[in-house]
N, C-alpha and C. Protein backbone atom coordinates (compact mmCIF):
# COMPACT_ATOMS: atom_id res chain seq x y z
N MET A 1 13.04 -2.31 -14.08
CA MET A 1 12.82 -2.90 -12.22
C MET A 1 13.24 -4.16 -12.00
N GLY A 2 14.06 -4.61 -11.65
CA GLY A 2 14.87 -5.82 -11.32
C GLY A 2 14.58 -7.00 -12.67
N SER A 3 14.10 -8.00 -12.10
CA SER A 3 13.76 -9.17 -13.10
C SER A 3 12.17 -9.82 -13.42
N GLN A 4 11.72 -8.77 -13.11
CA GLN A 4 9.93 -9.01 -12.96
C GLN A 4 9.41 -9.32 -14.26
N GLU A 5 8.81 -10.27 -14.73
CA GLU A 5 7.68 -10.34 -15.76
C GLU A 5 5.95 -10.89 -15.03
N PHE A 6 5.43 -9.83 -15.13
CA PHE A 6 4.18 -9.79 -15.07
C PHE A 6 3.13 -9.51 -15.70
N HIS A 7 2.35 -9.87 -16.58
CA HIS A 7 1.34 -9.35 -16.77
C HIS A 7 0.31 -8.09 -16.35
N LYS A 8 0.01 -8.53 -14.97
CA LYS A 8 -0.79 -7.72 -14.38
C LYS A 8 -0.10 -8.05 -12.60
N SER A 9 -0.43 -6.39 -12.17
CA SER A 9 0.26 -6.01 -10.85
C SER A 9 -0.88 -5.23 -10.18
N LEU A 10 -1.42 -6.01 -9.02
CA LEU A 10 -2.32 -5.18 -8.29
C LEU A 10 -1.80 -4.89 -6.94
N TYR A 11 -2.05 -3.47 -6.75
CA TYR A 11 -1.62 -2.78 -5.62
C TYR A 11 -3.07 -2.62 -4.32
N VAL A 12 -2.86 -3.00 -2.99
CA VAL A 12 -4.19 -2.86 -2.09
C VAL A 12 -3.69 -2.39 -0.89
N VAL A 13 -4.08 -0.76 -1.21
CA VAL A 13 -3.71 0.01 -0.62
C VAL A 13 -5.02 0.46 0.57
N GLY A 14 -4.60 1.46 1.71
CA GLY A 14 -5.59 2.26 2.32
C GLY A 14 -4.99 2.44 3.47
N PRO A 15 -5.90 2.89 4.66
CA PRO A 15 -5.72 3.22 5.91
C PRO A 15 -5.34 1.98 6.60
N SER A 16 -5.15 2.27 7.81
CA SER A 16 -4.65 0.80 8.64
C SER A 16 -6.58 0.33 8.83
N SER A 17 -6.62 -1.22 9.04
CA SER A 17 -7.78 -1.65 9.24
C SER A 17 -8.75 -1.57 8.75
N THR A 18 -8.55 -2.09 7.35
CA THR A 18 -9.29 -1.53 6.25
C THR A 18 -9.83 -3.21 5.19
N GLY A 19 -9.01 -4.03 6.12
CA GLY A 19 -9.08 -5.28 5.17
C GLY A 19 -8.21 -5.66 4.13
N LYS A 20 -6.85 -5.07 3.87
CA LYS A 20 -6.01 -4.92 2.98
C LYS A 20 -5.20 -6.26 2.83
N THR A 21 -5.07 -6.85 4.31
CA THR A 21 -4.02 -8.26 3.94
C THR A 21 -5.40 -9.12 4.44
N THR A 22 -6.55 -9.24 4.69
CA THR A 22 -7.56 -10.19 4.60
C THR A 22 -7.78 -10.61 2.85
N LEU A 23 -7.82 -9.39 2.54
CA LEU A 23 -8.32 -9.43 0.73
C LEU A 23 -7.35 -10.27 -0.10
N CYS A 24 -5.91 -9.55 0.24
CA CYS A 24 -4.63 -10.14 -0.26
C CYS A 24 -4.53 -11.64 -0.10
N ASN A 25 -4.50 -12.01 1.34
CA ASN A 25 -4.64 -13.46 1.21
C ASN A 25 -5.75 -14.18 0.54
N ALA A 26 -6.80 -13.93 0.72
CA ALA A 26 -8.31 -14.45 -0.11
C ALA A 26 -8.04 -14.41 -1.61
N VAL A 27 -7.35 -13.25 -2.07
CA VAL A 27 -7.25 -13.32 -3.55
C VAL A 27 -6.06 -14.41 -3.85
N ALA A 28 -5.23 -14.43 -3.14
CA ALA A 28 -3.72 -15.30 -3.31
C ALA A 28 -4.37 -16.73 -3.31
N LYS A 29 -4.97 -16.86 -2.47
CA LYS A 29 -5.55 -18.61 -2.15
C LYS A 29 -6.29 -18.63 -3.46
N LYS A 30 -7.39 -18.10 -3.82
CA LYS A 30 -8.36 -18.04 -5.08
C LYS A 30 -7.34 -17.91 -6.52
N LEU A 31 -6.26 -17.36 -6.56
CA LEU A 31 -6.03 -17.51 -7.95
C LEU A 31 -4.32 -18.53 -7.79
N HIS A 32 -4.41 -19.36 -6.57
CA HIS A 32 -3.33 -20.25 -6.47
C HIS A 32 -2.08 -19.60 -6.42
N LEU A 33 -1.65 -18.58 -6.08
CA LEU A 33 -0.78 -17.91 -5.89
C LEU A 33 0.43 -18.09 -5.20
N ASN A 34 1.67 -18.49 -5.41
CA ASN A 34 3.13 -18.62 -5.08
C ASN A 34 3.38 -17.70 -4.17
N GLU A 35 4.15 -18.04 -3.29
CA GLU A 35 4.59 -16.97 -2.22
C GLU A 35 5.50 -15.74 -2.77
N ASN A 36 6.03 -16.10 -4.23
CA ASN A 36 7.21 -15.49 -5.18
C ASN A 36 6.30 -14.54 -5.57
N ALA A 37 4.89 -14.47 -5.79
CA ALA A 37 3.74 -13.62 -6.53
C ALA A 37 3.09 -12.59 -5.79
N VAL A 38 3.23 -12.78 -4.42
CA VAL A 38 2.84 -11.64 -3.34
C VAL A 38 3.84 -11.16 -2.71
N VAL A 39 3.49 -9.62 -2.97
CA VAL A 39 4.55 -9.06 -1.72
C VAL A 39 3.92 -8.38 -0.70
N GLY A 40 4.14 -9.23 0.78
CA GLY A 40 3.41 -8.44 1.87
C GLY A 40 3.40 -7.67 2.31
N GLU A 41 2.87 -7.42 3.43
CA GLU A 41 3.62 -5.93 4.27
C GLU A 41 4.69 -6.15 4.93
N VAL A 42 5.32 -4.97 4.78
CA VAL A 42 6.95 -4.90 5.22
C VAL A 42 7.39 -4.18 6.52
N ALA A 43 6.32 -3.42 6.77
CA ALA A 43 6.24 -2.10 7.65
C ALA A 43 6.35 -2.98 9.35
N ARG A 44 5.91 -4.03 9.60
CA ARG A 44 6.20 -4.30 10.66
C ARG A 44 7.17 -5.29 10.89
N HIS A 45 8.24 -5.96 9.66
CA HIS A 45 8.95 -6.35 9.65
C HIS A 45 10.17 -5.24 9.71
N VAL A 46 10.15 -4.16 9.33
CA VAL A 46 10.85 -2.85 9.54
C VAL A 46 10.87 -2.42 11.07
N MET A 47 9.67 -2.45 11.38
CA MET A 47 9.53 -1.61 12.68
C MET A 47 10.22 -2.57 13.59
N ALA A 48 9.92 -3.78 13.48
CA ALA A 48 10.56 -4.81 14.44
C ALA A 48 12.12 -5.20 14.42
N THR A 49 12.55 -4.84 13.09
CA THR A 49 14.17 -5.19 13.12
C THR A 49 14.90 -3.49 13.05
N GLN A 50 14.22 -2.77 13.08
CA GLN A 50 15.18 -1.12 13.16
C GLN A 50 14.67 -0.76 14.42
N GLY A 51 14.03 -1.50 15.36
CA GLY A 51 13.28 -0.59 16.71
C GLY A 51 12.39 0.41 16.70
N TYR A 52 11.24 0.45 15.46
CA TYR A 52 10.56 1.61 15.38
C TYR A 52 9.55 1.24 16.42
N THR A 53 8.61 1.95 16.51
CA THR A 53 7.50 1.36 17.69
C THR A 53 5.87 2.65 16.96
N ARG A 54 4.74 2.46 17.25
CA ARG A 54 4.01 3.21 16.46
C ARG A 54 4.12 4.54 17.16
N LYS A 55 4.96 4.88 17.79
CA LYS A 55 5.22 6.50 18.17
C LYS A 55 6.42 7.00 17.18
N ASP A 56 6.70 6.16 16.56
CA ASP A 56 7.63 6.32 15.44
C ASP A 56 6.88 6.57 14.28
N VAL A 57 5.33 6.81 13.87
CA VAL A 57 5.39 6.35 12.62
C VAL A 57 5.21 7.90 11.71
N GLY A 58 5.36 9.00 12.82
CA GLY A 58 5.58 10.46 11.93
C GLY A 58 6.89 10.92 11.90
N SER A 59 7.68 9.65 11.99
CA SER A 59 9.19 9.73 11.85
C SER A 59 9.51 9.63 9.94
N LEU A 60 10.15 10.71 9.83
CA LEU A 60 10.32 10.31 8.11
C LEU A 60 11.39 9.40 7.80
N GLU A 61 12.41 9.17 9.02
CA GLU A 61 13.05 8.07 8.58
C GLU A 61 12.84 6.98 9.19
N MET A 62 11.53 6.67 9.34
CA MET A 62 10.93 5.48 9.30
C MET A 62 10.23 5.35 8.33
N GLN A 63 9.55 6.09 7.69
CA GLN A 63 8.84 5.87 6.57
C GLN A 63 9.67 5.96 5.50
N GLN A 64 10.75 6.39 5.12
CA GLN A 64 11.78 5.79 4.47
C GLN A 64 12.45 4.49 4.40
N ALA A 65 12.58 3.99 5.45
CA ALA A 65 13.33 2.88 5.94
C ALA A 65 11.92 1.73 5.41
N ILE A 66 10.88 2.17 5.21
CA ILE A 66 9.52 1.23 5.01
C ILE A 66 9.64 1.20 3.39
N MET A 67 9.83 2.73 3.17
CA MET A 67 9.44 2.99 1.42
C MET A 67 10.49 1.71 0.81
N ASP A 68 11.81 2.03 1.51
CA ASP A 68 13.17 1.06 0.69
C ASP A 68 13.14 -0.34 1.13
N ALA A 69 12.39 -0.81 2.00
CA ALA A 69 12.14 -2.17 2.10
C ALA A 69 10.80 -2.63 1.14
N HIS A 70 10.19 -1.86 1.12
CA HIS A 70 9.06 -2.23 0.03
C HIS A 70 9.18 -2.51 -1.50
N LEU A 71 10.09 -1.41 -1.76
CA LEU A 71 10.63 -1.73 -3.35
C LEU A 71 11.41 -2.33 -3.29
N GLN A 72 12.57 -2.93 -2.10
CA GLN A 72 13.28 -3.93 -2.27
C GLN A 72 12.70 -5.28 -2.52
N ARG A 73 11.66 -5.51 -1.94
CA ARG A 73 10.51 -6.95 -1.99
C ARG A 73 10.10 -6.80 -3.32
N GLU A 74 9.25 -5.65 -3.74
CA GLU A 74 9.00 -5.90 -5.35
C GLU A 74 10.27 -5.99 -6.44
N ASN A 75 11.16 -5.62 -6.11
CA ASN A 75 12.62 -5.59 -7.00
C ASN A 75 13.10 -7.18 -7.06
N GLU A 76 12.70 -7.99 -6.15
CA GLU A 76 13.15 -9.39 -5.47
C GLU A 76 12.46 -10.07 -6.88
N GLY A 77 13.23 -10.90 -7.55
CA GLY A 77 13.17 -11.83 -8.84
C GLY A 77 12.04 -12.67 -9.01
N ARG A 78 10.96 -12.07 -9.15
CA ARG A 78 9.46 -12.86 -9.15
C ARG A 78 9.24 -12.86 -10.68
N MET A 79 8.45 -14.11 -11.28
CA MET A 79 8.03 -14.33 -12.48
C MET A 79 6.70 -14.84 -12.20
N GLY A 80 5.49 -14.75 -13.25
CA GLY A 80 4.05 -14.98 -13.14
C GLY A 80 3.00 -13.90 -13.83
N ALA A 81 1.77 -14.34 -14.04
CA ALA A 81 1.26 -13.73 -15.06
C ALA A 81 0.37 -12.37 -14.06
N VAL A 82 0.49 -12.72 -12.22
CA VAL A 82 -0.18 -11.55 -11.55
C VAL A 82 1.12 -11.63 -10.74
N ARG A 83 1.25 -10.01 -10.39
CA ARG A 83 1.97 -9.90 -8.49
C ARG A 83 0.56 -9.14 -7.70
N LEU A 84 0.75 -9.31 -6.91
CA LEU A 84 -0.37 -8.98 -5.56
C LEU A 84 0.48 -8.49 -4.81
N CYS A 85 0.16 -7.09 -4.29
CA CYS A 85 1.07 -6.22 -3.03
C CYS A 85 0.16 -5.85 -2.36
N ASP A 86 0.33 -6.47 -1.23
CA ASP A 86 -0.07 -6.19 0.14
C ASP A 86 0.38 -4.53 0.66
N ARG A 87 -0.16 -3.29 0.33
CA ARG A 87 0.22 -2.01 0.24
C ARG A 87 1.24 -1.73 -1.16
N SER A 88 2.12 -0.37 -0.76
CA SER A 88 2.67 0.07 -1.98
C SER A 88 3.66 0.91 -1.06
N ALA A 89 4.62 1.50 -2.19
CA ALA A 89 5.81 2.30 -1.83
C ALA A 89 5.13 3.63 -1.55
N ILE A 90 3.94 3.82 -1.76
CA ILE A 90 2.93 5.65 -1.70
C ILE A 90 2.36 5.20 -0.63
N ASP A 91 1.97 3.78 0.33
CA ASP A 91 2.00 4.49 1.48
C ASP A 91 2.96 4.91 2.40
N PRO A 92 4.04 4.77 2.32
CA PRO A 92 4.88 5.71 3.37
C PRO A 92 4.76 7.55 3.05
N ILE A 93 4.54 7.51 1.92
CA ILE A 93 4.15 8.65 1.68
C ILE A 93 2.88 9.44 2.35
N VAL A 94 1.98 8.42 2.12
CA VAL A 94 0.61 8.94 2.66
C VAL A 94 0.37 9.29 4.05
N TYR A 95 1.68 8.27 5.12
CA TYR A 95 1.97 8.27 6.01
C TYR A 95 2.86 9.40 7.02
N ALA A 96 3.93 9.79 6.08
CA ALA A 96 4.65 10.96 6.25
C ALA A 96 3.57 12.35 6.20
N VAL A 97 3.02 12.36 4.97
CA VAL A 97 1.90 13.44 5.10
C VAL A 97 1.09 13.32 6.14
N LEU A 98 0.43 12.56 6.83
CA LEU A 98 -0.46 12.11 7.72
C LEU A 98 -0.43 12.49 8.87
N THR A 99 0.89 12.62 9.11
CA THR A 99 1.39 12.55 10.71
C THR A 99 2.51 14.07 10.50
N ALA A 100 2.46 14.57 9.24
CA ALA A 100 3.13 16.07 9.43
C ALA A 100 2.61 17.04 10.57
N PRO A 101 3.64 17.93 10.98
CA PRO A 101 2.69 18.86 12.08
C PRO A 101 2.09 19.83 11.09
N ASN A 102 2.48 20.36 10.12
CA ASN A 102 1.68 21.04 9.25
C ASN A 102 1.65 20.81 7.82
N ALA A 103 1.44 21.73 6.91
CA ALA A 103 1.05 21.52 5.68
C ALA A 103 2.53 21.73 4.60
N GLU A 104 3.12 22.72 5.33
CA GLU A 104 4.84 23.35 4.61
C GLU A 104 5.58 21.67 4.98
N GLU A 105 5.39 20.95 6.45
CA GLU A 105 6.12 20.01 6.07
C GLU A 105 5.35 18.66 5.49
N ALA A 106 4.71 18.56 5.56
CA ALA A 106 3.58 17.71 4.63
C ALA A 106 4.40 17.66 3.50
N LYS A 107 4.49 18.82 2.58
CA LYS A 107 4.75 19.18 1.45
C LYS A 107 6.10 18.49 0.99
N ARG A 108 7.42 18.97 2.13
CA ARG A 108 8.29 18.35 2.14
C ARG A 108 8.79 17.15 2.27
N ARG A 109 8.15 16.51 3.03
CA ARG A 109 8.19 15.20 3.07
C ARG A 109 7.66 14.09 2.06
N GLN A 110 7.07 14.83 1.53
CA GLN A 110 6.23 14.38 0.13
C GLN A 110 7.48 14.30 -0.83
N ASP A 111 7.78 15.28 -0.90
CA ASP A 111 8.60 15.86 -2.20
C ASP A 111 9.92 14.63 -1.90
N ILE A 112 10.61 14.58 -0.55
CA ILE A 112 11.62 13.74 -0.41
C ILE A 112 11.36 12.43 -0.60
N LEU A 113 10.48 11.97 -0.26
CA LEU A 113 9.92 10.55 -0.59
C LEU A 113 9.89 9.86 -1.45
N VAL A 114 8.85 11.35 -2.92
CA VAL A 114 8.65 11.20 -3.92
C VAL A 114 9.96 11.21 -4.95
N HIS A 115 10.95 11.75 -4.48
CA HIS A 115 12.03 12.14 -5.35
C HIS A 115 13.19 11.28 -5.16
N SER A 116 12.89 10.19 -3.99
CA SER A 116 13.72 9.46 -3.98
C SER A 116 14.15 8.69 -5.44
N PRO A 117 15.36 8.25 -5.37
CA PRO A 117 15.51 7.42 -7.15
C PRO A 117 15.10 5.82 -6.79
N LEU A 118 14.60 5.59 -5.90
CA LEU A 118 14.11 3.98 -5.87
C LEU A 118 12.58 4.32 -6.32
N PHE A 119 12.13 5.09 -5.72
CA PHE A 119 10.41 5.42 -5.68
C PHE A 119 10.21 5.51 -7.21
N GLN A 120 11.26 6.80 -7.68
CA GLN A 120 11.06 7.27 -9.34
C GLN A 120 11.30 6.20 -10.28
N LEU A 121 11.95 5.01 -9.78
CA LEU A 121 12.31 4.12 -10.85
C LEU A 121 10.56 3.07 -10.71
N ALA A 122 10.06 3.21 -9.29
CA ALA A 122 8.86 2.61 -9.54
C ALA A 122 7.89 3.11 -10.12
N LEU A 123 7.63 4.47 -10.31
CA LEU A 123 6.83 5.08 -10.87
C LEU A 123 5.85 4.59 -11.96
N GLN A 124 6.60 4.50 -12.96
CA GLN A 124 5.88 4.31 -13.66
C GLN A 124 5.15 2.89 -14.17
N GLY A 125 5.84 1.70 -13.26
CA GLY A 125 5.04 0.51 -12.86
C GLY A 125 4.24 0.56 -12.51
N TYR A 126 3.81 1.50 -11.65
CA TYR A 126 2.67 2.13 -10.64
C TYR A 126 1.53 2.32 -11.53
N ARG A 127 1.93 3.65 -12.58
CA ARG A 127 1.05 4.01 -13.31
C ARG A 127 0.57 2.98 -14.15
N ASP A 128 1.25 1.76 -14.31
CA ASP A 128 0.71 0.73 -15.43
C ASP A 128 0.20 -0.36 -14.73
N SER A 129 -0.12 -0.33 -13.27
CA SER A 129 -0.90 -1.15 -12.73
C SER A 129 -2.24 -0.95 -11.94
N ILE A 130 -2.75 -1.85 -11.22
CA ILE A 130 -4.03 -1.59 -11.09
C ILE A 130 -3.85 -1.57 -9.32
N PHE A 131 -4.55 -0.25 -8.77
CA PHE A 131 -4.80 0.48 -7.54
C PHE A 131 -5.98 0.04 -7.27
N LEU A 132 -6.31 -0.57 -5.90
CA LEU A 132 -7.17 -0.79 -5.43
C LEU A 132 -6.88 -0.31 -3.73
N LEU A 133 -8.28 0.70 -3.66
CA LEU A 133 -7.77 1.63 -2.40
C LEU A 133 -9.43 1.55 -1.68
N LEU A 134 -9.20 0.81 -0.17
CA LEU A 134 -9.90 0.34 0.75
C LEU A 134 -10.23 1.56 1.70
N ALA A 135 -11.47 1.97 1.62
CA ALA A 135 -11.78 3.43 2.55
C ALA A 135 -12.73 2.69 3.68
N PRO A 136 -12.37 3.16 4.56
CA PRO A 136 -12.13 2.86 6.00
C PRO A 136 -13.83 2.16 6.39
N VAL A 137 -14.26 1.34 7.16
CA VAL A 137 -15.35 0.61 7.42
C VAL A 137 -14.96 0.76 9.06
N PRO A 138 -15.87 1.63 9.74
CA PRO A 138 -15.59 2.13 10.88
C PRO A 138 -15.93 0.54 11.56
N GLU A 139 -16.73 -0.19 11.79
CA GLU A 139 -16.45 -1.31 12.74
C GLU A 139 -15.59 -2.07 12.65
N TRP A 140 -14.57 -2.11 11.38
CA TRP A 140 -13.72 -3.26 11.25
C TRP A 140 -12.29 -2.52 12.01
N VAL A 141 -12.02 -1.45 12.65
CA VAL A 141 -11.12 -0.57 13.59
C VAL A 141 -10.61 -1.80 14.67
N VAL A 142 -9.57 -2.18 14.39
CA VAL A 142 -8.60 -2.71 15.43
C VAL A 142 -7.56 -2.17 15.52
N ASP A 143 -7.12 -2.07 17.19
CA ASP A 143 -6.23 -1.31 17.50
C ASP A 143 -5.30 -2.79 18.50
N ASP A 144 -4.14 -2.85 17.40
CA ASP A 144 -3.15 -3.94 17.91
C ASP A 144 -2.09 -3.61 18.57
N GLY A 145 -1.93 -1.91 18.85
CA GLY A 145 -0.35 -1.26 19.27
C GLY A 145 0.61 -1.02 18.50
N VAL A 146 0.36 -1.71 16.95
CA VAL A 146 1.13 -1.35 15.96
C VAL A 146 0.33 -0.18 15.12
N ARG A 147 -0.88 -0.84 14.50
CA ARG A 147 -1.49 0.06 13.35
C ARG A 147 -2.02 1.87 14.46
N LEU A 148 -2.06 2.13 13.03
CA LEU A 148 -2.16 4.23 13.85
C LEU A 148 -3.50 3.93 12.96
N ILE A 149 -4.45 4.01 13.69
CA ILE A 149 -6.05 3.83 13.56
C ILE A 149 -6.47 5.07 13.56
N GLU A 150 -6.16 6.42 14.36
CA GLU A 150 -6.94 7.52 14.31
C GLU A 150 -6.90 8.29 12.99
N SER A 151 -7.78 8.98 12.56
CA SER A 151 -7.69 10.04 11.00
C SER A 151 -7.87 9.12 10.24
N GLN A 152 -8.82 8.10 9.87
CA GLN A 152 -8.97 6.66 8.67
C GLN A 152 -9.43 7.98 7.56
N ALA A 153 -10.61 8.58 8.14
CA ALA A 153 -11.04 9.47 6.81
C ALA A 153 -10.29 10.39 6.11
N ARG A 154 -9.22 11.21 6.91
CA ARG A 154 -8.49 12.19 6.65
C ARG A 154 -6.98 10.84 5.56
N CYS A 155 -6.54 10.17 6.39
CA CYS A 155 -5.92 9.18 5.47
C CYS A 155 -6.00 8.56 4.39
N HIS A 156 -7.56 8.18 4.05
CA HIS A 156 -7.84 7.82 2.94
C HIS A 156 -8.26 8.90 1.94
N ASP A 157 -8.27 10.12 2.58
CA ASP A 157 -8.57 11.46 1.44
C ASP A 157 -6.61 11.72 1.33
N ILE A 158 -6.14 11.56 2.02
CA ILE A 158 -4.61 11.75 1.29
C ILE A 158 -3.88 10.60 0.63
N PHE A 159 -4.60 9.08 0.55
CA PHE A 159 -3.84 8.23 -0.48
C PHE A 159 -4.60 8.91 -1.73
N LYS A 160 -5.79 9.28 -1.92
CA LYS A 160 -6.54 9.96 -3.12
C LYS A 160 -6.01 11.10 -3.65
N THR A 161 -5.15 11.49 -2.59
CA THR A 161 -4.62 13.40 -2.93
C THR A 161 -3.38 13.03 -3.66
N VAL A 162 -2.84 12.08 -3.10
CA VAL A 162 -1.28 11.43 -3.44
C VAL A 162 -1.49 10.66 -5.09
N LEU A 163 -2.27 9.18 -4.69
CA LEU A 163 -2.48 8.82 -6.11
C LEU A 163 -2.95 9.63 -7.47
N ARG A 164 -3.56 10.67 -7.09
CA ARG A 164 -4.05 11.70 -7.95
C ARG A 164 -2.72 12.45 -8.61
N GLU A 165 -2.25 12.81 -7.72
CA GLU A 165 -0.70 13.94 -7.81
C GLU A 165 0.12 13.05 -8.76
N LEU A 166 0.32 12.01 -8.64
CA LEU A 166 1.25 11.06 -8.85
C LEU A 166 0.64 10.15 -10.04
N ASP A 167 -0.87 10.72 -10.54
CA ASP A 167 -0.94 10.19 -11.88
C ASP A 167 -1.27 8.89 -12.03
N ILE A 168 -1.95 8.11 -10.56
CA ILE A 168 -1.56 6.46 -10.58
C ILE A 168 -3.41 6.34 -10.46
N ALA A 169 -3.92 5.44 -11.07
CA ALA A 169 -5.13 5.45 -11.70
C ALA A 169 -5.97 4.37 -10.42
N PHE A 170 -6.87 4.68 -9.94
CA PHE A 170 -7.28 3.67 -8.57
C PHE A 170 -8.63 3.52 -8.80
N ARG A 171 -8.86 2.35 -7.98
CA ARG A 171 -10.43 1.67 -7.63
C ARG A 171 -10.74 1.91 -6.56
N GLU A 172 -11.85 2.04 -6.21
CA GLU A 172 -12.18 2.14 -4.49
C GLU A 172 -13.16 1.12 -4.51
N LEU A 173 -13.10 0.50 -2.80
CA LEU A 173 -14.13 -0.51 -2.46
C LEU A 173 -14.28 0.33 -0.96
N GLY A 174 -15.31 0.30 -0.52
CA GLY A 174 -15.62 0.74 0.98
C GLY A 174 -16.99 0.14 1.58
N PRO A 175 -17.42 0.56 2.50
CA PRO A 175 -18.59 0.13 3.61
C PRO A 175 -19.57 -0.49 2.36
N GLU A 176 -19.86 -0.01 1.33
CA GLU A 176 -20.86 -0.72 0.32
C GLU A 176 -20.45 -1.98 0.17
N MET A 177 -19.26 -2.89 -0.41
CA MET A 177 -19.09 -4.00 -0.04
C MET A 177 -18.26 -4.48 0.88
N ARG A 178 -18.73 -4.95 1.89
CA ARG A 178 -18.31 -5.67 3.33
C ARG A 178 -17.89 -7.26 3.03
N PHE A 179 -18.64 -7.85 2.24
CA PHE A 179 -18.51 -9.15 1.91
C PHE A 179 -16.97 -9.67 1.73
N LEU A 180 -16.44 -10.65 2.18
CA LEU A 180 -15.31 -10.94 1.38
C LEU A 180 -15.45 -11.08 -0.28
N GLU A 181 -16.37 -12.57 -0.35
CA GLU A 181 -16.45 -12.88 -1.57
C GLU A 181 -16.91 -11.90 -2.40
N GLU A 182 -17.54 -10.80 -2.40
CA GLU A 182 -17.98 -9.71 -2.76
C GLU A 182 -16.83 -9.25 -3.52
N ARG A 183 -15.67 -8.75 -2.51
CA ARG A 183 -14.67 -8.11 -2.70
C ARG A 183 -13.51 -9.08 -3.63
N ILE A 184 -13.33 -10.20 -3.25
CA ILE A 184 -12.41 -11.32 -4.19
C ILE A 184 -13.27 -11.14 -5.88
N MET A 185 -14.92 -11.17 -5.80
CA MET A 185 -15.21 -10.88 -7.33
C MET A 185 -15.04 -9.61 -7.82
N ALA A 186 -14.57 -8.52 -7.12
CA ALA A 186 -14.57 -7.57 -7.77
C ALA A 186 -13.24 -7.18 -8.24
N VAL A 187 -12.11 -7.99 -7.25
CA VAL A 187 -10.70 -7.90 -7.99
C VAL A 187 -10.61 -8.88 -8.93
N MET A 188 -11.32 -10.06 -8.89
CA MET A 188 -11.39 -10.82 -10.21
C MET A 188 -11.65 -9.87 -11.52
N GLY A 189 -12.74 -9.14 -11.29
CA GLY A 189 -13.37 -8.38 -12.40
C GLY A 189 -12.04 -7.15 -12.85
N MET A 190 -11.58 -6.70 -11.97
CA MET A 190 -10.32 -5.68 -12.12
C MET A 190 -9.28 -6.19 -12.79
N LEU A 191 -8.91 -7.78 -12.66
CA LEU A 191 -7.93 -7.98 -13.25
C LEU A 191 -8.23 -8.80 -14.49
N ARG A 192 -9.57 -9.21 -14.93
CA ARG A 192 -10.42 -9.55 -16.09
C ARG A 192 -9.78 -11.21 -16.06
N LEU A 193 -10.22 -11.94 -15.14
CA LEU A 193 -9.82 -13.28 -14.41
C LEU A 193 -10.99 -13.92 -14.42
């Protein structure tokens, strides 16, 4: 995939308002990562530039656009020992499943996104990376008009299911570890830094 050369890639994923961006920013600062080593969230940019709103979260087209934009950002030429990703191409799959009206449609959406050529190219790299799944902390939920904050527990369960089905190993952090410094140290341990 692209011209990437990383010794370690860390993907921080999970439902809305679980502290993904806060943790990624803190880890990037701790490791002195430059902006080329960090892949930020792309969903808001896609929504703003392509005219989507929170009402469109259930749209397969929006989730495909987010997946493509995220994978494009991942493929941009970056060099370094660590790459840090605030979310992944797994996230659009999870939200497509979460917002499906029934199990049959959820499976159809998941199959379409998983079998997209760009995702298939990324999949082995995901299996060789470190995935950190952040669990919901109810007090942290913030409605900013963009995030989908309903069904956090269900969203978390779908993340676990999708990651397992795709044979992507992951670790979890949740309410038992609320302090940012604790979370940073946990990530440093995962990266063995």
